[in-house]
C-alpha atoms as a PDB file:
ATOM      1  CA  MET A   1      48.512 -51.037 316.402  1.00  0.00           C
ATOM      2  CA  ASN A   2      45.532 -49.981 314.515  1.00  0.00           C
ATOM      3  CA  SER A   3      42.587 -52.232 315.086  1.00  0.00           C
ATOM      4  CA  MET A   4      40.880 -53.443 311.820  1.00  0.00           C
ATOM      5  CA  THR A   5      37.418 -51.935 310.978  1.00  0.00           C
ATOM      6  CA  ARG A   6      35.005 -54.494 309.583  1.00  0.00           C
ATOM      7  CA  ILE A   7      32.411 -52.938 307.018  1.00  0.00           C
ATOM      8  CA  LYS A   8      28.973 -53.543 306.600  1.00  0.00           C
ATOM      9  CA  THR A   9      26.287 -51.254 305.279  1.00  0.00           C
ATOM     10  CA  LYS A  10      22.617 -51.506 304.717  1.00  0.00           C
ATOM     11  CA  THR A  11      22.378 -48.443 302.584  1.00  0.00           C
ATOM     12  CA  PRO A  12      24.405 -48.213 299.234  1.00  0.00           C
ATOM     13  CA  ASN A  13      27.899 -46.894 299.876  1.00  0.00           C
ATOM     14  CA  PRO A  14      30.467 -45.771 297.092  1.00  0.00           C
ATOM     15  CA  TYR A  15      33.526 -47.692 296.611  1.00  0.00           C
ATOM     16  CA  LYS A  16      36.182 -46.414 294.066  1.00  0.00           C
ATOM     17  CA  LEU A  17      37.164 -48.963 291.264  1.00  0.00           C
ATOM     18  CA  ILE A  18      41.055 -49.038 291.403  1.00  0.00           C
ATOM     19  CA  HIS A  19      42.074 -51.859 288.925  1.00  0.00           C
ATOM     20  CA  THR A  20      40.711 -54.265 286.435  1.00  0.00           C
ATOM     21  CA  GLU A  21      41.755 -57.600 285.257  1.00  0.00           C
ATOM     22  CA  THR A  22      40.693 -59.437 282.227  1.00  0.00           C
ATOM     23  CA  ASP A  23      39.774 -63.255 283.206  1.00  0.00           C
ATOM     24  CA  THR A  24      38.155 -64.453 279.980  1.00  0.00           C
ATOM     25  CA  HIS A  25      36.905 -62.623 276.777  1.00  0.00           C
ATOM     26  CA  ASP A  26      33.957 -61.637 278.622  1.00  0.00           C
ATOM     27  CA  THR A  27      34.797 -61.649 282.281  1.00  0.00           C
ATOM     28  CA  LYS A  28      36.690 -59.143 284.324  1.00  0.00           C
ATOM     29  CA  THR A  29      37.793 -58.904 287.938  1.00  0.00           C
ATOM     30  CA  PHE A  30      37.184 -55.308 289.560  1.00  0.00           C
ATOM     31  CA  ARG A  31      39.069 -54.232 292.396  1.00  0.00           C
ATOM     32  CA  PHE A  32      37.491 -51.801 294.793  1.00  0.00           C
ATOM     33  CA  GLU A  33      39.239 -49.521 297.161  1.00  0.00           C
ATOM     34  CA  LEU A  34      38.620 -49.669 301.097  1.00  0.00           C
ATOM     35  CA  PRO A  35      40.467 -47.994 303.851  1.00  0.00           C
ATOM     36  CA  THR A  36      43.770 -49.383 304.617  1.00  0.00           C
ATOM     37  CA  ASP A  37      42.904 -51.064 307.934  1.00  0.00           C
ATOM     38  CA  SER A  38      39.503 -52.008 306.683  1.00  0.00           C
ATOM     39  CA  THR A  39      37.776 -55.359 305.453  1.00  0.00           C
ATOM     40  CA  LEU A  40      34.368 -56.461 304.310  1.00  0.00           C
ATOM     41  CA  ASP A  41      32.534 -57.898 307.281  1.00  0.00           C
ATOM     42  CA  MET A  42      31.798 -61.282 305.808  1.00  0.00           C
ATOM     43  CA  LEU A  43      32.179 -65.089 305.693  1.00  0.00           C
ATOM     44  CA  PRO A  44      33.362 -66.744 302.479  1.00  0.00           C
ATOM     45  CA  GLY A  45      30.354 -67.314 300.193  1.00  0.00           C
ATOM     46  CA  ASP A  46      28.449 -63.849 301.498  1.00  0.00           C
ATOM     47  CA  PHE A  47      27.361 -61.424 298.867  1.00  0.00           C
ATOM     48  CA  LEU A  48      27.241 -57.662 298.047  1.00  0.00           C
ATOM     49  CA  TYR A  49      24.591 -55.813 296.143  1.00  0.00           C
ATOM     50  CA  VAL A  50      25.706 -53.477 293.420  1.00  0.00           C
ATOM     51  CA  HIS A  51      23.333 -50.732 292.899  1.00  0.00           C
ATOM     52  CA  ALA A  52      22.913 -48.555 290.020  1.00  0.00           C
ATOM     53  CA  THR A  53      20.436 -46.301 288.134  1.00  0.00           C
ATOM     54  CA  ILE A  54      19.869 -47.300 284.422  1.00  0.00           C
ATOM     55  CA  ASN A  55      17.569 -45.592 281.963  1.00  0.00           C
ATOM     56  CA  GLY A  56      16.413 -43.625 284.938  1.00  0.00           C
ATOM     57  CA  LYS A  57      15.290 -46.890 286.911  1.00  0.00           C
ATOM     58  CA  PRO A  58      17.132 -47.855 290.216  1.00  0.00           C
ATOM     59  CA  VAL A  59      18.461 -51.779 289.845  1.00  0.00           C
ATOM     60  CA  LYS A  60      20.572 -53.875 291.989  1.00  0.00           C
ATOM     61  CA  ARG A  61      22.350 -57.198 291.497  1.00  0.00           C
ATOM     62  CA  ALA A  62      23.933 -59.630 293.878  1.00  0.00           C
ATOM     63  CA  TYR A  63      27.585 -60.438 293.614  1.00  0.00           C
ATOM     64  CA  THR A  64      29.864 -62.469 295.906  1.00  0.00           C
ATOM     65  CA  PRO A  65      33.336 -61.068 296.394  1.00  0.00           C
ATOM     66  CA  SER A  66      35.970 -63.423 294.888  1.00  0.00           C
ATOM     67  CA  SER A  67      38.669 -62.080 296.907  1.00  0.00           C
ATOM     68  CA  LEU A  68      39.925 -63.918 300.197  1.00  0.00           C
ATOM     69  CA  PRO A  69      37.595 -62.644 303.163  1.00  0.00           C
ATOM     70  CA  GLY A  70      39.815 -60.780 305.626  1.00  0.00           C
ATOM     71  CA  THR A  71      41.699 -58.753 302.874  1.00  0.00           C
ATOM     72  CA  THR A  72      42.188 -55.406 303.737  1.00  0.00           C
ATOM     73  CA  GLY A  73      42.476 -52.150 301.643  1.00  0.00           C
ATOM     74  CA  SER A  74      40.496 -53.640 298.802  1.00  0.00           C
ATOM     75  CA  PHE A  75      38.086 -56.284 297.495  1.00  0.00           C
ATOM     76  CA  ASP A  76      37.329 -57.913 294.354  1.00  0.00           C
ATOM     77  CA  LEU A  77      34.184 -58.731 292.156  1.00  0.00           C
ATOM     78  CA  THR A  78      34.526 -61.214 289.174  1.00  0.00           C
ATOM     79  CA  VAL A  79      31.777 -60.524 286.696  1.00  0.00           C
ATOM     80  CA  LYS A  80      30.871 -61.632 283.340  1.00  0.00           C
ATOM     81  CA  ARG A  81      29.498 -59.414 280.990  1.00  0.00           C
ATOM     82  CA  TYR A  82      26.006 -60.505 279.504  1.00  0.00           C
ATOM     83  CA  ASP A  83      24.306 -58.814 276.863  1.00  0.00           C
ATOM     84  CA  ALA A  84      21.163 -58.785 278.547  1.00  0.00           C
ATOM     85  CA  GLY A  85      22.677 -57.985 281.999  1.00  0.00           C
ATOM     86  CA  THR A  86      22.137 -54.447 282.864  1.00  0.00           C
ATOM     87  CA  VAL A  87      24.259 -54.390 285.955  1.00  0.00           C
ATOM     88  CA  SER A  88      27.042 -56.615 284.382  1.00  0.00           C
ATOM     89  CA  LYS A  89      27.304 -54.174 281.473  1.00  0.00           C
ATOM     90  CA  TYR A  90      27.199 -51.209 283.768  1.00  0.00           C
ATOM     91  CA  LEU A  91      30.229 -52.538 285.790  1.00  0.00           C
ATOM     92  CA  HIS A  92      32.175 -53.315 282.487  1.00  0.00           C
ATOM     93  CA  ASP A  93      31.707 -49.738 281.298  1.00  0.00           C
ATOM     94  CA  GLN A  94      33.134 -48.408 284.499  1.00  0.00           C
ATOM     95  CA  GLN A  95      36.559 -46.489 284.176  1.00  0.00           C
ATOM     96  CA  ILE A  96      39.436 -46.669 286.731  1.00  0.00           C
ATOM     97  CA  GLY A  97      38.422 -44.108 289.512  1.00  0.00           C
ATOM     98  CA  ALA A  98      34.735 -44.491 289.106  1.00  0.00           C
ATOM     99  CA  PRO A  99      32.758 -44.808 292.351  1.00  0.00           C
ATOM    100  CA  VAL A 100      30.314 -47.823 292.385  1.00  0.00           C
ATOM    101  CA  LEU A 101      27.405 -48.092 294.969  1.00  0.00           C
ATOM    102  CA  MET A 102      27.077 -51.298 296.725  1.00  0.00           C
ATOM    103  CA  SER A 103      25.465 -52.428 300.108  1.00  0.00           C
ATOM    104  CA  GLY A 104      26.345 -55.435 302.423  1.00  0.00           C
ATOM    105  CA  PRO A 105      27.870 -57.952 302.784  1.00  0.00           C
ATOM    106  CA  ASN A 106      24.723 -59.854 302.998  1.00  0.00           C
ATOM    107  CA  THR A 107      24.414 -63.495 304.505  1.00  0.00           C
ATOM    108  CA  GLY A 108      24.503 -66.107 301.585  1.00  0.00           C
ATOM    109  CA  GLY A 109      24.961 -69.732 301.524  1.00  0.00           C
ATOM    110  CA  HIS A 110      28.331 -69.492 303.132  1.00  0.00           C
ATOM    111  CA  TRP A 111      31.255 -71.588 304.588  1.00  0.00           C
ATOM    112  CA  VAL A 112      32.079 -71.838 308.474  1.00  0.00           C
ATOM    113  CA  ASP A 113      35.258 -73.291 309.429  1.00  0.00           C
ATOM    114  CA  GLY A 114      34.654 -76.931 310.717  1.00  0.00           C
ATOM    115  CA  MET A 115      31.458 -77.321 309.048  1.00  0.00           C
ATOM    116  CA  ALA A 116      32.562 -80.280 306.913  1.00  0.00           C
ATOM    117  CA  LYS A 117      35.829 -82.389 306.284  1.00  0.00           C
ATOM    118  CA  ARG A 118      34.916 -83.155 302.720  1.00  0.00           C
ATOM    119  CA  VAL A 119      33.399 -80.443 300.435  1.00  0.00           C
ATOM    120  CA  GLY A 120      32.074 -80.534 297.129  1.00  0.00           C
ATOM    121  CA  PHE A 121      31.556 -77.777 294.618  1.00  0.00           C
ATOM    122  CA  VAL A 122      29.422 -77.740 291.609  1.00  0.00           C
ATOM    123  CA  ALA A 123      29.403 -74.606 289.527  1.00  0.00           C
ATOM    124  CA  GLY A 124      28.303 -73.504 286.140  1.00  0.00           C
ATOM    125  CA  GLY A 125      29.851 -70.538 284.516  1.00  0.00           C
ATOM    126  CA  THR A 126      30.164 -67.458 286.769  1.00  0.00           C
ATOM    127  CA  GLY A 127      28.547 -69.622 289.675  1.00  0.00           C
ATOM    128  CA  ILE A 128      32.175 -70.158 290.309  1.00  0.00           C
ATOM    129  CA  THR A 129      32.641 -66.757 292.009  1.00  0.00           C
ATOM    130  CA  PRO A 130      31.282 -67.725 295.529  1.00  0.00           C
ATOM    131  CA  MET A 131      33.307 -71.078 295.214  1.00  0.00           C
ATOM    132  CA  ILE A 132      36.702 -69.310 294.423  1.00  0.00           C
ATOM    133  CA  SER A 133      36.189 -67.276 297.613  1.00  0.00           C
ATOM    134  CA  ILE A 134      35.566 -70.387 299.717  1.00  0.00           C
ATOM    135  CA  ILE A 135      38.247 -72.768 298.094  1.00  0.00           C
ATOM    136  CA  ARG A 136      41.007 -69.973 298.711  1.00  0.00           C
ATOM    137  CA  TRP A 137      39.976 -69.666 302.102  1.00  0.00           C
ATOM    138  CA  ILE A 138      40.193 -73.268 303.048  1.00  0.00           C
ATOM    139  CA  LEU A 139      43.520 -73.673 301.193  1.00  0.00           C
ATOM    140  CA  THR A 140      45.008 -70.756 302.278  1.00  0.00           C
ATOM    141  CA  LYS A 141      43.973 -71.286 306.089  1.00  0.00           C
ATOM    142  CA  LYS A 142      45.428 -74.808 305.617  1.00  0.00           C
ATOM    143  CA  LEU A 143      41.995 -76.290 307.071  1.00  0.00           C
ATOM    144  CA  ASP A 144      41.484 -79.795 307.494  1.00  0.00           C
ATOM    145  CA  ALA A 145      39.110 -80.320 304.484  1.00  0.00           C
ATOM    146  CA  GLU A 146      39.341 -82.357 301.080  1.00  0.00           C
ATOM    147  CA  LEU A 147      37.883 -80.236 298.206  1.00  0.00           C
ATOM    148  CA  PHE A 148      35.911 -81.660 294.950  1.00  0.00           C
ATOM    149  CA  LEU A 149      35.293 -79.212 292.319  1.00  0.00           C
ATOM    150  CA  ILE A 150      33.125 -79.910 289.202  1.00  0.00           C
ATOM    151  CA  PHE A 151      32.910 -76.941 286.974  1.00  0.00           C
ATOM    152  CA  ALA A 152      30.992 -76.723 283.719  1.00  0.00           C
ATOM    153  CA  ASN A 153      31.276 -74.366 280.900  1.00  0.00           C
ATOM    154  CA  LYS A 154      30.497 -73.964 277.161  1.00  0.00           C
ATOM    155  CA  THR A 155      33.902 -73.537 275.866  1.00  0.00           C
ATOM    156  CA  GLU A 156      37.506 -73.550 277.281  1.00  0.00           C
ATOM    157  CA  SER A 157      37.690 -69.861 276.686  1.00  0.00           C
ATOM    158  CA  ASP A 158      34.793 -69.421 279.183  1.00  0.00           C
ATOM    159  CA  VAL A 159      36.858 -71.134 282.191  1.00  0.00           C
ATOM    160  CA  ILE A 160      37.284 -68.447 284.714  1.00  0.00           C
ATOM    161  CA  PHE A 161      40.367 -68.829 286.998  1.00  0.00           C
ATOM    162  CA  ARG A 162      41.890 -71.352 284.790  1.00  0.00           C
ATOM    163  CA  GLN A 163      45.488 -70.990 285.563  1.00  0.00           C
ATOM    164  CA  GLU A 164      44.674 -70.971 289.422  1.00  0.00           C
ATOM    165  CA  TRP A 165      42.737 -74.261 289.027  1.00  0.00           C
ATOM    166  CA  ASP A 166      45.958 -75.890 287.407  1.00  0.00           C
ATOM    167  CA  ARG A 167      48.008 -74.442 290.336  1.00  0.00           C
ATOM    168  CA  TYR A 168      45.938 -75.753 293.019  1.00  0.00           C
ATOM    169  CA  LEU A 169      45.782 -79.005 291.541  1.00  0.00           C
ATOM    170  CA  ARG A 170      49.529 -78.914 291.278  1.00  0.00           C
ATOM    171  CA  ASP A 171      50.265 -77.668 294.886  1.00  0.00           C
ATOM    172  CA  TYR A 172      47.398 -78.934 296.959  1.00  0.00           C
ATOM    173  CA  PRO A 173      47.001 -82.813 297.199  1.00  0.00           C
ATOM    174  CA  ASN A 174      43.575 -82.209 299.111  1.00  0.00           C
ATOM    175  CA  PHE A 175      42.245 -80.263 295.913  1.00  0.00           C
ATOM    176  CA  HIS A 176      40.448 -82.129 293.122  1.00  0.00           C
ATOM    177  CA  CYS A 177      39.112 -80.532 289.886  1.00  0.00           C
ATOM    178  CA  HIS A 178      36.636 -82.120 287.347  1.00  0.00           C
ATOM    179  CA  GLN A 179      35.967 -79.733 284.229  1.00  0.00           C
ATOM    180  CA  VAL A 180      32.957 -80.258 281.910  1.00  0.00           C
ATOM    181  CA  LEU A 181      32.589 -78.409 278.492  1.00  0.00           C
ATOM    182  CA  GLU A 182      29.680 -78.430 275.932  1.00  0.00           C
ATOM    183  CA  GLN A 183      31.956 -77.716 272.968  1.00  0.00           C
ATOM    184  CA  PRO A 184      35.497 -79.109 273.805  1.00  0.00           C
ATOM    185  CA  PRO A 185      38.690 -78.579 271.812  1.00  0.00           C
ATOM    186  CA  PRO A 186      40.436 -81.703 270.155  1.00  0.00           C
ATOM    187  CA  GLY A 187      42.185 -83.666 272.677  1.00  0.00           C
ATOM    188  CA  TRP A 188      39.972 -82.351 275.780  1.00  0.00           C
ATOM    189  CA  ALA A 189      40.891 -84.568 278.816  1.00  0.00           C
ATOM    190  CA  GLY A 190      37.653 -83.468 280.867  1.00  0.00           C
ATOM    191  CA  SER A 191      34.057 -84.366 280.370  1.00  0.00           C
ATOM    192  CA  ILE A 192      31.807 -83.148 277.454  1.00  0.00           C
ATOM    193  CA  GLY A 193      28.297 -81.927 277.518  1.00  0.00           C
ATOM    194  CA  ARG A 194      26.403 -80.953 280.900  1.00  0.00           C
ATOM    195  CA  ILE A 195      26.861 -82.356 284.258  1.00  0.00           C
ATOM    196  CA  THR A 196      25.302 -85.472 284.773  1.00  0.00           C
ATOM    197  CA  THR A 197      24.218 -87.796 287.620  1.00  0.00           C
ATOM    198  CA  ASP A 198      27.358 -90.081 287.060  1.00  0.00           C
ATOM    199  CA  MET A 199      29.445 -86.962 287.243  1.00  0.00           C
ATOM    200  CA  LEU A 200      28.305 -86.139 290.376  1.00  0.00           C
ATOM    201  CA  ARG A 201      28.489 -89.714 291.803  1.00  0.00           C
ATOM    202  CA  HIS A 202      32.211 -90.106 290.685  1.00  0.00           C
ATOM    203  CA  HIS A 203      33.402 -86.626 291.400  1.00  0.00           C
ATOM    204  CA  LEU A 204      31.812 -85.553 294.566  1.00  0.00           C
ATOM    205  CA  PRO A 205      32.299 -86.661 298.035  1.00  0.00           C
ATOM    206  CA  PRO A 206      29.678 -89.504 299.218  1.00  0.00           C
ATOM    207  CA  PRO A 207      26.971 -88.089 301.203  1.00  0.00           C
ATOM    208  CA  TYR A 208      28.427 -88.787 304.647  1.00  0.00           C
ATOM    209  CA  PRO A 209      27.540 -86.900 307.768  1.00  0.00           C
ATOM    210  CA  ASP A 210      31.021 -84.721 307.204  1.00  0.00           C
ATOM    211  CA  SER A 211      30.276 -83.719 303.660  1.00  0.00           C
ATOM    212  CA  CYS A 212      28.554 -81.060 302.142  1.00  0.00           C
ATOM    213  CA  VAL A 213      28.050 -79.640 298.598  1.00  0.00           C
ATOM    214  CA  PHE A 214      27.999 -76.007 297.433  1.00  0.00           C
ATOM    215  CA  LEU A 215      25.901 -75.502 294.233  1.00  0.00           C
ATOM    216  CA  CYS A 216      25.795 -72.394 292.178  1.00  0.00           C
ATOM    217  CA  GLY A 217      25.027 -71.561 288.645  1.00  0.00           C
ATOM    218  CA  PRO A 218      22.386 -70.680 286.294  1.00  0.00           C
ATOM    219  CA  PRO A 219      18.984 -71.319 287.973  1.00  0.00           C
ATOM    220  CA  ALA A 220      17.576 -74.206 285.750  1.00  0.00           C
ATOM    221  CA  MET A 221      21.083 -76.112 286.391  1.00  0.00           C
ATOM    222  CA  VAL A 222      20.825 -75.290 290.144  1.00  0.00           C
ATOM    223  CA  ASP A 223      17.243 -76.550 290.317  1.00  0.00           C
ATOM    224  CA  SER A 224      17.640 -79.744 288.175  1.00  0.00           C
ATOM    225  CA  LEU A 225      21.173 -80.630 289.906  1.00  0.00           C
ATOM    226  CA  GLU A 226      19.555 -79.907 293.641  1.00  0.00           C
ATOM    227  CA  THR A 227      17.063 -82.388 292.977  1.00  0.00           C
ATOM    228  CA  THR A 228      19.582 -84.837 291.647  1.00  0.00           C
ATOM    229  CA  LEU A 229      21.778 -84.417 294.692  1.00  0.00           C
ATOM    230  CA  LYS A 230      18.916 -85.157 296.835  1.00  0.00           C
ATOM    231  CA  GLU A 231      18.111 -88.213 294.927  1.00  0.00           C
ATOM    232  CA  LEU A 232      21.852 -89.289 295.575  1.00  0.00           C
ATOM    233  CA  GLY A 233      21.177 -89.198 299.231  1.00  0.00           C
ATOM    234  CA  TYR A 234      22.496 -85.681 300.132  1.00  0.00           C
ATOM    235  CA  PRO A 235      20.446 -84.245 302.864  1.00  0.00           C
ATOM    236  CA  GLU A 236      18.852 -80.827 302.218  1.00  0.00           C
ATOM    237  CA  GLN A 237      20.936 -79.160 304.998  1.00  0.00           C
ATOM    238  CA  ALA A 238      24.142 -80.563 303.288  1.00  0.00           C
ATOM    239  CA  ILE A 239      23.428 -78.846 300.011  1.00  0.00           C
ATOM    240  CA  ILE A 240      24.240 -75.178 300.010  1.00  0.00           C
ATOM    241  CA  LEU A 241      23.386 -72.375 297.651  1.00  0.00           C
ATOM    242  CA  PRO A 242      25.796 -69.371 297.880  1.00  0.00           C
END
């Protein structure tokens, strides 16, 4: 029997792009090849650096794999294309078969089995990518934890992994999801606007010793909501920033 190799590099290593999947109008999931019996040496929520040379200058950006940790033979990055995002545009311009340089995985604000029984997730836009890795892990492993997701976007077409959230709500009684849109369609059943104190209070687990909250999104949102979570009684060590 072949033993599994766990990959972690400090220097950039080339990974071949083998598949792309369109998630939304501006977001794609990129699948990169690993050796058959290899996986990334990471916990759910850890991240990679993507390295590129753009206009003659070396740049790097952090991305959290969206694929399930422990997956062998490949891994996924889910990336939104931003007009001002040099590396996100670089990734979206890559063709199948192209090598992309990455280093890591690096330790982020990650999940460790048993760290909480009630787990909150507050995500804005592509801040959902570390959350999906953690949520997939907990549900796939059938861990004893209840999950509460608040996911904020501008429009319905911006909601990444929309079908997956609907499936989890249908298939897993321990998964709860509350969606927030700034520009909702007619008849929208979720919340409207931005994430508020009342939303956090009503859709997250209370700040008990067996609770934690993962928070990820635009920096201004994270700064504001981290302060709000502390005001609601969540201790600093229970607020995790992937």
